[in-house]
PDB file of N, CA and C in Angstrom:
ATOM      1  N   MET A   1      88.398 103.324  51.243  1.00  0.00           N
ATOM      2  CA  MET A   1      88.496 104.442  50.323  1.00  0.00           C
ATOM      3  C   MET A   1      89.804 105.220  50.497  1.00  0.00           C
ATOM      4  N   LEU A   2      90.364 105.197  51.704  1.00  0.00           N
ATOM      5  CA  LEU A   2      91.590 105.955  51.927  1.00  0.00           C
ATOM      6  C   LEU A   2      92.728 105.465  51.053  1.00  0.00           C
ATOM      7  N   ARG A   3      92.688 104.208  50.657  1.00  0.00           N
ATOM      8  CA  ARG A   3      93.777 103.713  49.801  1.00  0.00           C
ATOM      9  C   ARG A   3      93.686 104.263  48.375  1.00  0.00           C
ATOM     10  N   LEU A   4      92.601 104.951  48.063  1.00  0.00           N
ATOM     11  CA  LEU A   4      92.433 105.529  46.729  1.00  0.00           C
ATOM     12  C   LEU A   4      93.055 106.922  46.612  1.00  0.00           C
ATOM     13  N   ILE A   5      93.507 107.487  47.738  1.00  0.00           N
ATOM     14  CA  ILE A   5      94.171 108.797  47.702  1.00  0.00           C
ATOM     15  C   ILE A   5      95.623 108.615  48.137  1.00  0.00           C
ATOM     16  N   ASP A   6      96.428 109.642  47.973  1.00  0.00           N
ATOM     17  CA  ASP A   6      97.854 109.529  48.297  1.00  0.00           C
ATOM     18  C   ASP A   6      98.063 109.279  49.792  1.00  0.00           C
ATOM     19  N   THR A   7      99.181 108.686  50.113  1.00  0.00           N
ATOM     20  CA  THR A   7      99.476 108.235  51.471  1.00  0.00           C
ATOM     21  C   THR A   7      99.437 109.361  52.495  1.00  0.00           C
ATOM     22  N   ARG A   8     100.059 110.480  52.196  1.00  0.00           N
ATOM     23  CA  ARG A   8     100.099 111.583  53.157  1.00  0.00           C
ATOM     24  C   ARG A   8      98.702 112.121  53.439  1.00  0.00           C
ATOM     25  N   SER A   9      97.895 112.260  52.403  1.00  0.00           N
ATOM     26  CA  SER A   9      96.522 112.725  52.597  1.00  0.00           C
ATOM     27  C   SER A   9      95.723 111.732  53.429  1.00  0.00           C
ATOM     28  N   ALA A  10      95.909 110.453  53.145  1.00  0.00           N
ATOM     29  CA  ALA A  10      95.208 109.421  53.904  1.00  0.00           C
ATOM     30  C   ALA A  10      95.614 109.463  55.373  1.00  0.00           C
ATOM     31  N   MET A  11      96.890 109.710  55.637  1.00  0.00           N
ATOM     32  CA  MET A  11      97.365 109.800  57.022  1.00  0.00           C
ATOM     33  C   MET A  11      96.719 110.979  57.741  1.00  0.00           C
ATOM     34  N   LEU A  12      96.586 112.101  57.050  1.00  0.00           N
ATOM     35  CA  LEU A  12      95.944 113.272  57.646  1.00  0.00           C
ATOM     36  C   LEU A  12      94.480 112.999  57.959  1.00  0.00           C
ATOM     37  N   VAL A  13      93.767 112.435  56.997  1.00  0.00           N
ATOM     38  CA  VAL A  13      92.344 112.137  57.193  1.00  0.00           C
ATOM     39  C   VAL A  13      92.176 111.163  58.356  1.00  0.00           C
ATOM     40  N   ARG A  14      92.968 110.121  58.376  1.00  0.00           N
ATOM     41  CA  ARG A  14      92.882 109.111  59.437  1.00  0.00           C
ATOM     42  C   ARG A  14      93.165 109.739  60.808  1.00  0.00           C
ATOM     43  N   ALA A  15      94.197 110.562  60.892  1.00  0.00           N
ATOM     44  CA  ALA A  15      94.573 111.173  62.165  1.00  0.00           C
ATOM     45  C   ALA A  15      93.476 112.091  62.698  1.00  0.00           C
ATOM     46  N   VAL A  16      92.849 112.849  61.812  1.00  0.00           N
ATOM     47  CA  VAL A  16      91.825 113.809  62.243  1.00  0.00           C
ATOM     48  C   VAL A  16      90.490 113.118  62.498  1.00  0.00           C
ATOM     49  N   THR A  17      90.050 112.283  61.572  1.00  0.00           N
ATOM     50  CA  THR A  17      88.705 111.712  61.697  1.00  0.00           C
ATOM     51  C   THR A  17      88.632 110.507  62.625  1.00  0.00           C
ATOM     52  N   LEU A  18      89.663 109.696  62.659  1.00  0.00           N
ATOM     53  CA  LEU A  18      89.617 108.488  63.485  1.00  0.00           C
ATOM     54  C   LEU A  18      90.344 108.650  64.817  1.00  0.00           C
ATOM     55  N   ASP A  19      91.464 109.352  64.801  1.00  0.00           N
ATOM     56  CA  ASP A  19      92.268 109.490  66.015  1.00  0.00           C
ATOM     57  C   ASP A  19      91.921 110.732  66.827  1.00  0.00           C
ATOM     58  N   GLY A  20      91.116 111.634  66.260  1.00  0.00           N
ATOM     59  CA  GLY A  20      90.683 112.822  66.980  1.00  0.00           C
ATOM     60  C   GLY A  20      91.719 113.918  67.118  1.00  0.00           C
ATOM     61  N   LYS A  21      92.760 113.873  66.287  1.00  0.00           N
ATOM     62  CA  LYS A  21      93.789 114.915  66.348  1.00  0.00           C
ATOM     63  C   LYS A  21      93.308 116.161  65.616  1.00  0.00           C
ATOM     64  N   THR A  22      93.904 117.283  65.952  1.00  0.00           N
ATOM     65  CA  THR A  22      93.631 118.505  65.195  1.00  0.00           C
ATOM     66  C   THR A  22      94.419 118.435  63.887  1.00  0.00           C
ATOM     67  N   ALA A  23      94.069 119.285  62.951  1.00  0.00           N
ATOM     68  CA  ALA A  23      94.811 119.338  61.691  1.00  0.00           C
ATOM     69  C   ALA A  23      96.270 119.695  61.951  1.00  0.00           C
ATOM     70  N   GLU A  24      96.488 120.564  62.929  1.00  0.00           N
ATOM     71  CA  GLU A  24      97.850 120.968  63.263  1.00  0.00           C
ATOM     72  C   GLU A  24      98.663 119.783  63.801  1.00  0.00           C
ATOM     73  N   GLU A  25      98.055 119.014  64.705  1.00  0.00           N
ATOM     74  CA  GLU A  25      98.732 117.844  65.263  1.00  0.00           C
ATOM     75  C   GLU A  25      99.008 116.807  64.182  1.00  0.00           C
ATOM     76  N   ALA A  26      98.026 116.591  63.317  1.00  0.00           N
ATOM     77  CA  ALA A  26      98.193 115.624  62.236  1.00  0.00           C
ATOM     78  C   ALA A  26      99.293 116.090  61.284  1.00  0.00           C
ATOM     79  N   GLY A  27      99.332 117.382  61.008  1.00  0.00           N
ATOM     80  CA  GLY A  27     100.356 117.934  60.127  1.00  0.00           C
ATOM     81  C   GLY A  27     101.756 117.724  60.670  1.00  0.00           C
ATOM     82  N   GLU A  28     101.906 117.861  61.973  1.00  0.00           N
ATOM     83  CA  GLU A  28     103.218 117.650  62.593  1.00  0.00           C
ATOM     84  C   GLU A  28     103.730 116.231  62.343  1.00  0.00           C
ATOM     85  N   THR A  29     102.825 115.268  62.355  1.00  0.00           N
ATOM     86  CA  THR A  29     103.239 113.869  62.184  1.00  0.00           C
ATOM     87  C   THR A  29     103.728 113.579  60.771  1.00  0.00           C
ATOM     88  N   VAL A  30     103.296 114.385  59.805  1.00  0.00           N
ATOM     89  CA  VAL A  30     103.736 114.164  58.423  1.00  0.00           C
ATOM     90  C   VAL A  30     104.665 115.261  57.925  1.00  0.00           C
ATOM     91  N   GLY A  31     105.104 116.126  58.839  1.00  0.00           N
ATOM     92  CA  GLY A  31     106.078 117.151  58.486  1.00  0.00           C
ATOM     93  C   GLY A  31     105.521 118.330  57.722  1.00  0.00           C
ATOM     94  N   MET A  32     104.284 118.720  58.030  1.00  0.00           N
ATOM     95  CA  MET A  32     103.657 119.854  57.355  1.00  0.00           C
ATOM     96  C   MET A  32     103.368 120.959  58.371  1.00  0.00           C
ATOM     97  N   THR A  33     103.339 122.190  57.898  1.00  0.00           N
ATOM     98  CA  THR A  33     102.919 123.286  58.764  1.00  0.00           C
ATOM     99  C   THR A  33     101.422 123.169  59.010  1.00  0.00           C
ATOM    100  N   ALA A  34     100.950 123.884  60.007  1.00  0.00           N
ATOM    101  CA  ALA A  34      99.519 123.835  60.343  1.00  0.00           C
ATOM    102  C   ALA A  34      98.657 124.268  59.159  1.00  0.00           C
ATOM    103  N   GLY A  35      99.040 125.344  58.492  1.00  0.00           N
ATOM    104  CA  GLY A  35      98.273 125.830  57.349  1.00  0.00           C
ATOM    105  C   GLY A  35      98.261 124.843  56.199  1.00  0.00           C
ATOM    106  N   ALA A  36      99.415 124.285  55.902  1.00  0.00           N
ATOM    107  CA  ALA A  36      99.504 123.310  54.816  1.00  0.00           C
ATOM    108  C   ALA A  36      98.680 122.068  55.137  1.00  0.00           C
ATOM    109  N   ALA A  37      98.679 121.666  56.400  1.00  0.00           N
ATOM    110  CA  ALA A  37      97.902 120.490  56.805  1.00  0.00           C
ATOM    111  C   ALA A  37      96.411 120.736  56.645  1.00  0.00           C
ATOM    112  N   ARG A  38      95.954 121.926  57.021  1.00  0.00           N
ATOM    113  CA  ARG A  38      94.526 122.240  56.868  1.00  0.00           C
ATOM    114  C   ARG A  38      94.121 122.228  55.401  1.00  0.00           C
ATOM    115  N   VAL A  39      94.944 122.803  54.542  1.00  0.00           N
ATOM    116  CA  VAL A  39      94.651 122.825  53.107  1.00  0.00           C
ATOM    117  C   VAL A  39      94.660 121.400  52.542  1.00  0.00           C
ATOM    118  N   ALA A  40      95.670 120.628  52.896  1.00  0.00           N
ATOM    119  CA  ALA A  40      95.774 119.253  52.405  1.00  0.00           C
ATOM    120  C   ALA A  40      94.603 118.410  52.890  1.00  0.00           C
ATOM    121  N   LEU A  41      94.186 118.611  54.133  1.00  0.00           N
ATOM    122  CA  LEU A  41      93.046 117.873  54.676  1.00  0.00           C
ATOM    123  C   LEU A  41      91.769 118.227  53.927  1.00  0.00           C
ATOM    124  N   HIS A  42      91.572 119.505  53.673  1.00  0.00           N
ATOM    125  CA  HIS A  42      90.382 119.946  52.930  1.00  0.00           C
ATOM    126  C   HIS A  42      90.371 119.331  51.532  1.00  0.00           C
ATOM    127  N   ARG A  43      91.491 119.350  50.862  1.00  0.00           N
ATOM    128  CA  ARG A  43      91.576 118.784  49.509  1.00  0.00           C
ATOM    129  C   ARG A  43      91.347 117.271  49.525  1.00  0.00           C
ATOM    130  N   ALA A  44      91.886 116.602  50.537  1.00  0.00           N
ATOM    131  CA  ALA A  44      91.705 115.156  50.654  1.00  0.00           C
ATOM    132  C   ALA A  44      90.238 114.815  50.889  1.00  0.00           C
ATOM    133  N   MET A  45      89.574 115.574  51.742  1.00  0.00           N
ATOM    134  CA  MET A  45      88.161 115.326  52.008  1.00  0.00           C
ATOM    135  C   MET A  45      87.319 115.572  50.754  1.00  0.00           C
ATOM    136  N   ARG A  46      87.700 116.588  49.989  1.00  0.00           N
ATOM    137  CA  ARG A  46      86.982 116.866  48.743  1.00  0.00           C
ATOM    138  C   ARG A  46      87.187 115.733  47.744  1.00  0.00           C
ATOM    139  N   ARG A  47      88.410 115.198  47.661  1.00  0.00           N
ATOM    140  CA  ARG A  47      88.674 114.055  46.772  1.00  0.00           C
ATOM    141  C   ARG A  47      87.865 112.838  47.199  1.00  0.00           C
ATOM    142  N   LEU A  48      87.837 112.575  48.494  1.00  0.00           N
ATOM    143  CA  LEU A  48      87.071 111.432  49.001  1.00  0.00           C
ATOM    144  C   LEU A  48      85.581 111.592  48.730  1.00  0.00           C
ATOM    145  N   SER A  49      85.090 112.788  48.871  1.00  0.00           N
ATOM    146  CA  SER A  49      83.677 113.056  48.591  1.00  0.00           C
ATOM    147  C   SER A  49      83.365 112.783  47.125  1.00  0.00           C
ATOM    148  N   GLY A  50      84.237 113.253  46.236  1.00  0.00           N
ATOM    149  CA  GLY A  50      84.050 113.009  44.808  1.00  0.00           C
ATOM    150  C   GLY A  50      84.115 111.530  44.468  1.00  0.00           C
ATOM    151  N   LEU A  51      85.026 110.819  45.095  1.00  0.00           N
ATOM    152  CA  LEU A  51      85.135 109.370  44.856  1.00  0.00           C
ATOM    153  C   LEU A  51      83.876 108.660  45.341  1.00  0.00           C
ATOM    154  N   ALA A  52      83.364 109.054  46.494  1.00  0.00           N
ATOM    155  CA  ALA A  52      82.156 108.427  47.040  1.00  0.00           C
ATOM    156  C   ALA A  52      80.966 108.679  46.124  1.00  0.00           C
ATOM    157  N   GLU A  53      80.864 109.897  45.602  1.00  0.00           N
ATOM    158  CA  GLU A  53      79.761 110.216  44.681  1.00  0.00           C
ATOM    159  C   GLU A  53      79.820 109.340  43.433  1.00  0.00           C
ATOM    160  N   ARG A  54      81.015 109.184  42.874  1.00  0.00           N
ATOM    161  CA  ARG A  54      81.176 108.367  41.671  1.00  0.00           C
ATOM    162  C   ARG A  54      80.858 106.901  41.940  1.00  0.00           C
ATOM    163  N   MET A  55      81.184 106.430  43.124  1.00  0.00           N
ATOM    164  CA  MET A  55      80.912 105.039  43.466  1.00  0.00           C
ATOM    165  C   MET A  55      79.412 104.783  43.632  1.00  0.00           C
ATOM    166  N   MET A  56      78.675 105.807  44.017  1.00  0.00           N
ATOM    167  CA  MET A  56      77.230 105.667  44.232  1.00  0.00           C
ATOM    168  C   MET A  56      76.437 105.638  42.934  1.00  0.00           C
ATOM    169  N   LYS A  57      77.047 106.084  41.846  1.00  0.00           N
ATOM    170  CA  LYS A  57      76.343 106.132  40.553  1.00  0.00           C
ATOM    171  C   LYS A  57      76.339 104.785  39.894  1.00  0.00           C
TER     172      LYS A  57
END
């Protein structure tokens, strides 16, 4: 499912959920501030949730 969202968002989700990094640490790897990374992560998770819901229908 991560390939269905933009690359930077997928990198953030992967870093936080699979690698156990904080949003701040994940943001550093993609050149984002801590606040921007948290917002981007939240939006990415919301997109993934919506995609999963649509796939279940």
